[in-house]
N, C-alpha and C. Protein backbone atom coordinates (compact mmCIF):
# COMPACT_ATOMS: atom_id res chain seq x y z
N MET A 1 -154.43 78.98 -180.35
CA MET A 1 -154.82 79.08 -178.84
C MET A 1 -153.75 78.20 -178.10
N LEU A 2 -153.35 78.74 -177.03
CA LEU A 2 -152.31 78.06 -176.18
C LEU A 2 -153.07 76.93 -175.37
N GLN A 3 -152.52 75.83 -175.30
CA GLN A 3 -153.08 74.69 -174.51
C GLN A 3 -152.22 74.58 -173.23
N PRO A 4 -152.78 74.39 -172.10
CA PRO A 4 -152.02 74.21 -170.91
C PRO A 4 -151.13 72.94 -171.00
N LYS A 5 -149.99 72.99 -170.47
CA LYS A 5 -149.09 71.81 -170.37
C LYS A 5 -149.68 70.63 -169.68
N HIS A 6 -150.36 70.95 -168.58
CA HIS A 6 -150.97 69.84 -167.86
C HIS A 6 -152.49 70.27 -167.65
N PRO A 7 -153.32 69.27 -167.79
CA PRO A 7 -154.73 69.59 -167.58
C PRO A 7 -155.03 70.09 -166.15
N GLU A 8 -155.93 70.97 -166.06
CA GLU A 8 -156.35 71.47 -164.73
C GLU A 8 -156.89 70.36 -163.84
N PRO A 9 -156.36 70.21 -162.62
CA PRO A 9 -156.86 69.20 -161.83
C PRO A 9 -158.29 69.38 -161.41
N ALA A 10 -158.95 68.34 -161.17
CA ALA A 10 -160.38 68.43 -160.72
C ALA A 10 -160.37 68.90 -159.32
N VAL A 11 -161.36 69.88 -159.03
CA VAL A 11 -161.48 70.38 -157.74
C VAL A 11 -162.55 69.62 -156.96
N CYS A 12 -162.17 69.09 -155.83
CA CYS A 12 -163.17 68.32 -155.12
C CYS A 12 -162.95 68.68 -153.57
N PHE A 13 -164.01 69.29 -153.06
CA PHE A 13 -164.01 69.75 -151.62
C PHE A 13 -164.87 68.84 -150.86
N THR A 14 -164.46 68.59 -149.65
CA THR A 14 -165.43 67.91 -148.71
C THR A 14 -166.00 69.03 -147.79
N ILE A 15 -167.03 68.65 -147.06
CA ILE A 15 -167.54 69.60 -146.09
C ILE A 15 -166.51 70.01 -145.10
N GLU A 16 -165.65 69.07 -144.74
CA GLU A 16 -164.53 69.39 -143.76
C GLU A 16 -163.62 70.40 -144.41
N ASP A 17 -163.28 70.26 -145.72
CA ASP A 17 -162.43 71.21 -146.39
C ASP A 17 -163.02 72.63 -146.31
N ILE A 18 -164.28 72.71 -146.58
CA ILE A 18 -164.95 74.05 -146.51
C ILE A 18 -164.90 74.55 -145.06
N ALA A 19 -165.17 73.72 -144.10
CA ALA A 19 -165.17 74.11 -142.72
C ALA A 19 -163.77 74.60 -142.32
N ARG A 20 -162.71 73.94 -142.82
CA ARG A 20 -161.39 74.33 -142.43
C ARG A 20 -161.06 75.65 -143.08
N VAL A 21 -161.57 75.96 -144.26
CA VAL A 21 -161.25 77.26 -144.89
C VAL A 21 -162.03 78.31 -144.09
N CYS A 22 -163.30 78.08 -143.81
CA CYS A 22 -164.10 78.98 -142.94
C CYS A 22 -163.35 79.32 -141.58
N HIS A 23 -162.86 78.24 -140.94
CA HIS A 23 -162.21 78.38 -139.60
C HIS A 23 -160.95 79.22 -139.85
N GLU A 24 -160.14 78.88 -140.84
CA GLU A 24 -158.88 79.66 -141.09
C GLU A 24 -159.14 81.12 -141.44
N THR A 25 -160.29 81.32 -142.21
CA THR A 25 -160.60 82.71 -142.54
C THR A 25 -160.95 83.45 -141.29
N ASN A 26 -161.78 82.82 -140.40
CA ASN A 26 -162.09 83.47 -139.13
C ASN A 26 -160.88 83.76 -138.28
N ARG A 27 -159.96 82.79 -138.20
CA ARG A 27 -158.74 82.95 -137.51
C ARG A 27 -157.90 84.13 -137.98
N ALA A 28 -157.82 84.25 -139.35
CA ALA A 28 -157.04 85.32 -139.97
C ALA A 28 -157.69 86.63 -139.62
N PHE A 29 -159.06 86.68 -139.74
CA PHE A 29 -159.74 87.96 -139.35
C PHE A 29 -159.52 88.33 -137.93
N CYS A 30 -159.62 87.33 -137.07
CA CYS A 30 -159.32 87.57 -135.59
C CYS A 30 -157.99 88.17 -135.39
N GLU A 31 -156.97 87.63 -136.08
CA GLU A 31 -155.62 88.11 -135.94
C GLU A 31 -155.51 89.61 -136.40
N VAL A 32 -156.15 89.88 -137.44
CA VAL A 32 -156.17 91.26 -138.00
C VAL A 32 -156.76 92.25 -136.98
N ILE A 33 -157.73 91.80 -136.18
CA ILE A 33 -158.42 92.70 -135.27
C ILE A 33 -157.72 92.58 -133.84
N GLY A 34 -156.62 91.87 -133.77
CA GLY A 34 -155.87 91.76 -132.52
C GLY A 34 -156.26 90.55 -131.60
N ASP A 35 -157.11 89.67 -132.02
CA ASP A 35 -157.51 88.53 -131.29
C ASP A 35 -156.60 87.34 -131.67
N LEU A 36 -155.64 87.02 -130.90
CA LEU A 36 -154.77 85.93 -131.24
C LEU A 36 -155.07 84.65 -130.56
N SER A 37 -156.26 84.50 -130.07
CA SER A 37 -156.68 83.35 -129.18
C SER A 37 -157.12 82.19 -130.09
N GLN A 38 -157.31 82.37 -131.38
CA GLN A 38 -157.89 81.25 -132.24
C GLN A 38 -156.79 80.31 -132.68
N PRO A 39 -156.94 79.02 -132.35
CA PRO A 39 -155.93 78.04 -132.80
C PRO A 39 -156.16 77.73 -134.32
N SER A 40 -155.12 77.20 -134.87
CA SER A 40 -155.25 76.75 -136.26
C SER A 40 -156.23 75.52 -136.32
N TRP A 41 -156.67 75.18 -137.53
CA TRP A 41 -157.61 74.07 -137.58
C TRP A 41 -157.02 72.84 -136.97
N ALA A 42 -155.75 72.58 -137.32
CA ALA A 42 -155.10 71.40 -136.83
C ALA A 42 -155.03 71.36 -135.29
N ASP A 43 -154.91 72.51 -134.67
CA ASP A 43 -154.84 72.57 -133.22
C ASP A 43 -156.19 72.87 -132.50
N ALA A 44 -157.20 73.10 -133.29
CA ALA A 44 -158.52 73.50 -132.71
C ALA A 44 -159.15 72.22 -132.02
N PRO A 45 -159.74 72.43 -130.90
CA PRO A 45 -160.45 71.25 -130.27
C PRO A 45 -161.56 70.76 -131.15
N GLU A 46 -161.98 69.53 -130.94
CA GLU A 46 -162.96 68.88 -131.76
C GLU A 46 -164.30 69.66 -131.73
N TRP A 47 -164.69 70.23 -130.60
CA TRP A 47 -165.99 70.98 -130.60
C TRP A 47 -165.95 72.20 -131.47
N GLN A 48 -164.73 72.75 -131.63
CA GLN A 48 -164.66 73.95 -132.49
C GLN A 48 -164.64 73.58 -133.99
N ARG A 49 -164.04 72.49 -134.34
CA ARG A 49 -164.01 71.97 -135.71
C ARG A 49 -165.50 71.51 -136.06
N GLN A 50 -166.15 70.84 -135.12
CA GLN A 50 -167.46 70.42 -135.35
C GLN A 50 -168.48 71.58 -135.51
N SER A 51 -168.26 72.61 -134.74
CA SER A 51 -169.05 73.82 -134.93
C SER A 51 -168.96 74.41 -136.33
N ALA A 52 -167.72 74.51 -136.86
CA ALA A 52 -167.58 75.00 -138.18
C ALA A 52 -168.22 74.11 -139.25
N THR A 53 -168.07 72.79 -139.01
CA THR A 53 -168.69 71.81 -139.97
C THR A 53 -170.17 71.97 -139.92
N THR A 54 -170.76 72.07 -138.75
CA THR A 54 -172.21 72.28 -138.67
C THR A 54 -172.69 73.52 -139.33
N GLY A 55 -171.89 74.65 -139.21
CA GLY A 55 -172.20 75.90 -139.92
C GLY A 55 -172.21 75.69 -141.41
N VAL A 56 -171.31 74.96 -141.95
CA VAL A 56 -171.18 74.71 -143.41
C VAL A 56 -172.41 73.95 -143.86
N HIS A 57 -172.78 72.88 -143.07
CA HIS A 57 -173.97 72.11 -143.39
C HIS A 57 -175.14 73.05 -143.44
N TYR A 58 -175.29 73.91 -142.43
CA TYR A 58 -176.45 74.74 -142.32
C TYR A 58 -176.56 75.58 -143.61
N HIS A 59 -175.51 76.22 -143.98
CA HIS A 59 -175.65 77.11 -145.17
C HIS A 59 -175.80 76.35 -146.50
N LEU A 60 -175.25 75.18 -146.64
CA LEU A 60 -175.45 74.40 -147.77
C LEU A 60 -176.91 73.92 -147.86
N ASN A 61 -177.51 73.63 -146.71
CA ASN A 61 -178.91 73.23 -146.67
C ASN A 61 -179.91 74.28 -146.68
N HIS A 62 -179.48 75.52 -146.54
CA HIS A 62 -180.39 76.70 -146.51
C HIS A 62 -179.77 77.74 -147.49
N PRO A 63 -179.95 77.53 -148.80
CA PRO A 63 -179.34 78.39 -149.82
C PRO A 63 -179.70 79.87 -149.67
N ASP A 64 -180.75 80.26 -149.03
CA ASP A 64 -181.14 81.65 -148.88
C ASP A 64 -180.74 82.24 -147.59
N SER A 65 -179.98 81.51 -146.79
CA SER A 65 -179.57 81.98 -145.50
C SER A 65 -178.66 83.30 -145.54
N GLN A 66 -178.70 84.02 -144.49
CA GLN A 66 -177.93 85.26 -144.37
C GLN A 66 -176.94 85.12 -143.30
N ALA A 67 -176.09 86.19 -143.09
CA ALA A 67 -175.09 86.09 -142.07
C ALA A 67 -175.78 86.00 -140.63
N SER A 68 -176.83 86.73 -140.50
CA SER A 68 -177.59 86.67 -139.23
C SER A 68 -178.08 85.25 -138.92
N ASP A 69 -178.49 84.52 -139.99
CA ASP A 69 -178.97 83.12 -139.80
C ASP A 69 -177.74 82.27 -139.32
N SER A 70 -176.51 82.59 -139.80
CA SER A 70 -175.35 81.88 -139.45
C SER A 70 -175.14 82.03 -137.92
N HIS A 71 -175.29 83.21 -137.43
CA HIS A 71 -175.13 83.45 -136.02
C HIS A 71 -176.20 82.77 -135.21
N GLU A 72 -177.42 82.90 -135.64
CA GLU A 72 -178.55 82.27 -134.92
C GLU A 72 -178.43 80.72 -134.85
N SER A 73 -177.96 80.14 -135.89
CA SER A 73 -177.65 78.72 -135.95
C SER A 73 -176.61 78.29 -135.02
N TRP A 74 -175.37 79.09 -135.08
CA TRP A 74 -174.34 78.89 -134.18
C TRP A 74 -174.74 78.98 -132.71
N MET A 75 -175.51 80.00 -132.34
CA MET A 75 -175.90 80.27 -131.03
C MET A 75 -176.84 79.14 -130.52
N ALA A 76 -177.78 78.73 -131.36
CA ALA A 76 -178.63 77.57 -130.90
C ALA A 76 -177.85 76.36 -130.67
N GLU A 77 -176.79 76.08 -131.51
CA GLU A 77 -175.94 74.92 -131.29
C GLU A 77 -175.24 75.01 -129.94
N LYS A 78 -174.69 76.28 -129.68
CA LYS A 78 -174.01 76.46 -128.37
C LYS A 78 -174.95 76.30 -127.22
N VAL A 79 -176.13 76.91 -127.20
CA VAL A 79 -177.03 76.86 -126.07
C VAL A 79 -177.46 75.40 -125.95
N ALA A 80 -177.73 74.65 -126.95
CA ALA A 80 -178.07 73.22 -126.84
C ALA A 80 -177.00 72.45 -126.15
N ALA A 81 -175.72 72.87 -126.34
CA ALA A 81 -174.55 72.16 -125.75
C ALA A 81 -174.27 72.62 -124.39
N GLY A 82 -175.13 73.55 -123.87
CA GLY A 82 -174.91 73.95 -122.49
C GLY A 82 -174.13 75.31 -122.26
N TRP A 83 -173.78 76.00 -123.40
CA TRP A 83 -173.14 77.24 -123.34
C TRP A 83 -174.13 78.32 -122.94
N VAL A 84 -173.62 79.39 -122.24
CA VAL A 84 -174.36 80.56 -121.77
C VAL A 84 -173.63 81.80 -122.13
N TYR A 85 -174.28 82.89 -122.01
CA TYR A 85 -173.60 84.15 -122.18
C TYR A 85 -172.58 84.40 -121.01
N GLY A 86 -171.47 84.94 -121.37
CA GLY A 86 -170.45 85.22 -120.39
C GLY A 86 -169.56 86.39 -120.96
N LEU A 87 -168.89 87.12 -120.10
CA LEU A 87 -168.10 88.26 -120.54
C LEU A 87 -166.88 87.78 -121.33
N ALA A 88 -166.44 86.49 -121.12
CA ALA A 88 -165.26 85.98 -121.83
C ALA A 88 -165.61 84.56 -122.36
N LYS A 89 -164.91 84.28 -123.47
CA LYS A 89 -165.12 82.95 -124.06
C LYS A 89 -164.26 81.96 -123.22
N ASP A 90 -164.93 80.95 -122.70
CA ASP A 90 -164.32 79.98 -121.79
C ASP A 90 -164.88 78.66 -122.11
N ALA A 91 -164.15 77.77 -122.83
CA ALA A 91 -164.69 76.45 -123.18
C ALA A 91 -164.94 75.58 -122.00
N THR A 92 -164.17 75.72 -120.93
CA THR A 92 -164.42 74.87 -119.74
C THR A 92 -165.71 75.27 -119.05
N ALA A 93 -165.94 76.60 -118.87
CA ALA A 93 -167.11 77.13 -118.18
C ALA A 93 -168.25 77.20 -119.19
N LYS A 94 -168.05 76.99 -120.49
CA LYS A 94 -168.96 77.14 -121.53
C LYS A 94 -169.73 78.44 -121.55
N THR A 95 -168.84 79.49 -121.52
CA THR A 95 -169.41 80.90 -121.58
C THR A 95 -168.90 81.54 -122.89
N HIS A 96 -169.66 82.43 -123.42
CA HIS A 96 -169.21 83.11 -124.64
C HIS A 96 -169.93 84.43 -124.76
N PRO A 97 -169.17 85.52 -125.05
CA PRO A 97 -169.76 86.87 -125.17
C PRO A 97 -170.67 87.11 -126.33
N CYS A 98 -170.58 86.18 -127.29
CA CYS A 98 -171.45 86.34 -128.49
C CYS A 98 -172.76 85.57 -128.43
N ILE A 99 -173.13 85.05 -127.28
CA ILE A 99 -174.40 84.43 -127.10
C ILE A 99 -175.44 85.54 -126.81
N VAL A 100 -175.72 86.25 -127.85
CA VAL A 100 -176.63 87.43 -127.79
C VAL A 100 -177.33 87.47 -129.19
N PRO A 101 -178.41 88.14 -129.34
CA PRO A 101 -179.03 88.23 -130.68
C PRO A 101 -178.08 88.86 -131.62
N TYR A 102 -178.18 88.57 -132.89
CA TYR A 102 -177.31 89.02 -133.95
C TYR A 102 -177.23 90.53 -133.92
N THR A 103 -178.31 91.23 -133.75
CA THR A 103 -178.34 92.71 -133.78
C THR A 103 -177.53 93.31 -132.62
N ASP A 104 -177.31 92.52 -131.60
CA ASP A 104 -176.59 93.03 -130.36
C ASP A 104 -175.08 92.71 -130.55
N LEU A 105 -174.67 92.01 -131.60
CA LEU A 105 -173.26 91.70 -131.79
C LEU A 105 -172.47 92.95 -132.14
N PRO A 106 -171.24 93.14 -131.71
CA PRO A 106 -170.37 94.14 -132.19
C PRO A 106 -170.22 93.99 -133.72
N ALA A 107 -169.88 95.04 -134.46
CA ALA A 107 -169.74 95.01 -135.87
C ALA A 107 -168.72 93.96 -136.37
N GLN A 108 -167.62 93.84 -135.73
CA GLN A 108 -166.66 92.87 -136.06
C GLN A 108 -167.09 91.47 -135.92
N GLN A 109 -167.91 91.17 -134.98
CA GLN A 109 -168.48 89.82 -134.93
C GLN A 109 -169.48 89.58 -136.04
N GLN A 110 -170.22 90.58 -136.45
CA GLN A 110 -171.16 90.41 -137.52
C GLN A 110 -170.35 90.16 -138.93
N VAL A 111 -169.19 90.84 -139.03
CA VAL A 111 -168.31 90.61 -140.13
C VAL A 111 -167.88 89.17 -140.21
N LYS A 112 -167.52 88.64 -139.04
CA LYS A 112 -167.14 87.17 -139.04
C LYS A 112 -168.18 86.22 -139.57
N ASP A 113 -169.45 86.52 -139.24
CA ASP A 113 -170.58 85.71 -139.75
C ASP A 113 -170.71 85.88 -141.23
N ALA A 114 -170.52 87.12 -141.71
CA ALA A 114 -170.60 87.43 -143.14
C ALA A 114 -169.49 86.68 -143.94
N LEU A 115 -168.24 86.72 -143.35
CA LEU A 115 -167.17 86.03 -143.91
C LEU A 115 -167.37 84.52 -144.01
N PHE A 116 -167.87 83.96 -142.95
CA PHE A 116 -168.15 82.48 -142.87
C PHE A 116 -169.09 82.18 -144.03
N LEU A 117 -170.20 82.90 -144.16
CA LEU A 117 -171.22 82.72 -145.22
C LEU A 117 -170.58 82.91 -146.57
N GLY A 118 -169.74 83.88 -146.74
CA GLY A 118 -169.09 84.20 -148.08
C GLY A 118 -168.17 83.08 -148.48
N VAL A 119 -167.48 82.55 -147.62
CA VAL A 119 -166.58 81.37 -147.86
C VAL A 119 -167.39 80.21 -148.32
N VAL A 120 -168.38 79.91 -147.56
CA VAL A 120 -169.27 78.75 -147.92
C VAL A 120 -169.83 78.92 -149.34
N ARG A 121 -170.41 80.11 -149.59
CA ARG A 121 -171.00 80.38 -150.93
C ARG A 121 -169.96 80.35 -152.05
N SER A 122 -168.77 80.89 -151.77
CA SER A 122 -167.72 80.92 -152.80
C SER A 122 -167.25 79.51 -153.18
N MET A 123 -167.05 78.70 -152.13
CA MET A 123 -166.61 77.30 -152.36
C MET A 123 -167.70 76.45 -153.03
N GLU A 124 -168.91 76.81 -152.67
CA GLU A 124 -170.14 76.05 -153.25
C GLU A 124 -170.17 76.41 -154.73
N ARG A 125 -169.90 77.68 -155.14
CA ARG A 125 -169.90 78.03 -156.55
C ARG A 125 -168.77 77.36 -157.29
N LEU A 126 -167.60 77.28 -156.69
CA LEU A 126 -166.48 76.54 -157.25
C LEU A 126 -166.79 75.15 -157.60
N LEU A 127 -167.38 74.54 -156.62
CA LEU A 127 -167.82 73.13 -156.84
C LEU A 127 -168.81 72.98 -158.02
N SER A 128 -169.79 73.89 -158.07
CA SER A 128 -170.81 73.73 -159.11
C SER A 128 -170.26 74.04 -160.45
N GLU A 129 -169.26 74.90 -160.53
CA GLU A 129 -168.58 75.21 -161.83
C GLU A 129 -167.76 74.01 -162.36
N LYS A 130 -167.26 73.18 -161.45
CA LYS A 130 -166.44 72.05 -161.80
C LYS A 130 -167.20 70.79 -162.14
N ILE A 131 -168.53 70.81 -161.72
CA ILE A 131 -169.27 69.60 -161.97
C ILE A 131 -169.87 69.53 -163.35
């Protein structure tokens, strides 16, 4: 049996690491669908990074949550912070076109919620396999 030259490094993720991967996955998906408005994690405003981190916490604390729960949690956070429905996303005016029930979201927006959940669950499994 071949032994690796170097032992496999331990994998250790923080909540912020998972949030960053979720954010970058969302950004990559947005680029694929022609939305170039999403900044990188490093350039994202604090509210946006915090929103991703809150979403990760939500899914880790609710192991049976679904993509629709991700959206409802995100929307509740936004509404609590003073955001309202608007035709365009505007951080200054605190408007967002996705402040609607999950079932009213366009399919591409529902896919973003499913991707977010999938990344959290995948990274959670990686962690549990390494422990």
